[in-house]
């Protein structure tokens, strides 16, 4: 079920300069009203930030600098895995402080973007109070008591929400910030046009003239490391098709967690396939990505049902991600967990339990190894 939750809440129900929240004309005004009393703002996203997270933080920092004049700290939780993400940070000169190095302070506000508290998708200490949440995921987080909440599951990207704040305040972003916001939206809805809302379209149209086209091209076509192709080869050798509609890939060890999503995207393009899942081990977790060709497939809900008590999961109609903590990363232990996932996925998708057909036949694998 889609939801759109927003507003600034405090003890007396008043907003900026004592005005009623209902009287505040736009959501950015509510945000700025609540931040008046803080010296600065920490911006935090989910683990292993993606372009939507990075662009949202960059856009918010620009907004706060040009309205309240408050300092901001953009943080990095986890790693920058995908080549495009690293290129985005490098090309746009985004300064990110590792979250474990943050010196938390009560007179600095904490705003969480592209994520929500209580979802297992960040490493913010429990004792640190969250002032605001700006997100577009359907995943239900722990939002009770948070002063500012703007969660719009009907919007394609968190960057779109941030871009709307800039528009409301009549603030033009720099070329770097415009590029970050544009690429954040583009990467989030790319290939899924039905997930884009009218607000996404407006944001893309307004941002594009301001974008640095050369930098955008460098980000889109970032160079890939050798480890990417090695992991892809391993995944293709352990990929199975079920019922002609579901394809599942066990990628073994992943050089970076986002690769599971890239492989799932690639496999979904196989003719006749309606669902694709890729899972692989990164450090001590099994990373899972699910994709579907169905516009209203509720992939996030499906993956939550599949993962269940084993870990955490969430997402959108056509794509979802999750992670399962592993006490043992031996091949036997991982295969056991993968077997449970495969069985549950077939049940949730109402497919008969069956033996999967290899994408690449074993005979061809042996011939390639001997060549």
Foldseek 3Di string as FASTA:
>chain_A
DWDWDWWFDDDVCAFAPRHHRVPDPDRLRRVVRVLLQAQAAEEAEFAQDDLLSQLLQLLVQVVCCVPVVHHYAAAHHHHNPDLLSVLLCVLLVPDHHHPVPDDDDPRYAYEYEQDAAAQPGGDDDPVHDHQEYQHQFPDDHPPPPRRTYTYGVLAQGSLLVSLVSCVVVVHDDAQSSLQSSLVSSCVRCPVPVVSHDPSSVVSNVVSVVSHPVVSSVCSVDGDDDPLLVVLLVQFLQAWFDAPLAEIETESEAHPDQCSQVVSQVVVCPPPSYAKYKYWYDYDQKIKIKIFGPDSQQLVQVLVCQLCPPQWGKGGHRGMIIIMGGHPDSDPVRVVVSVVSSVVSSCVSVVHDDDDTDRPDDPVNVVVVVVD
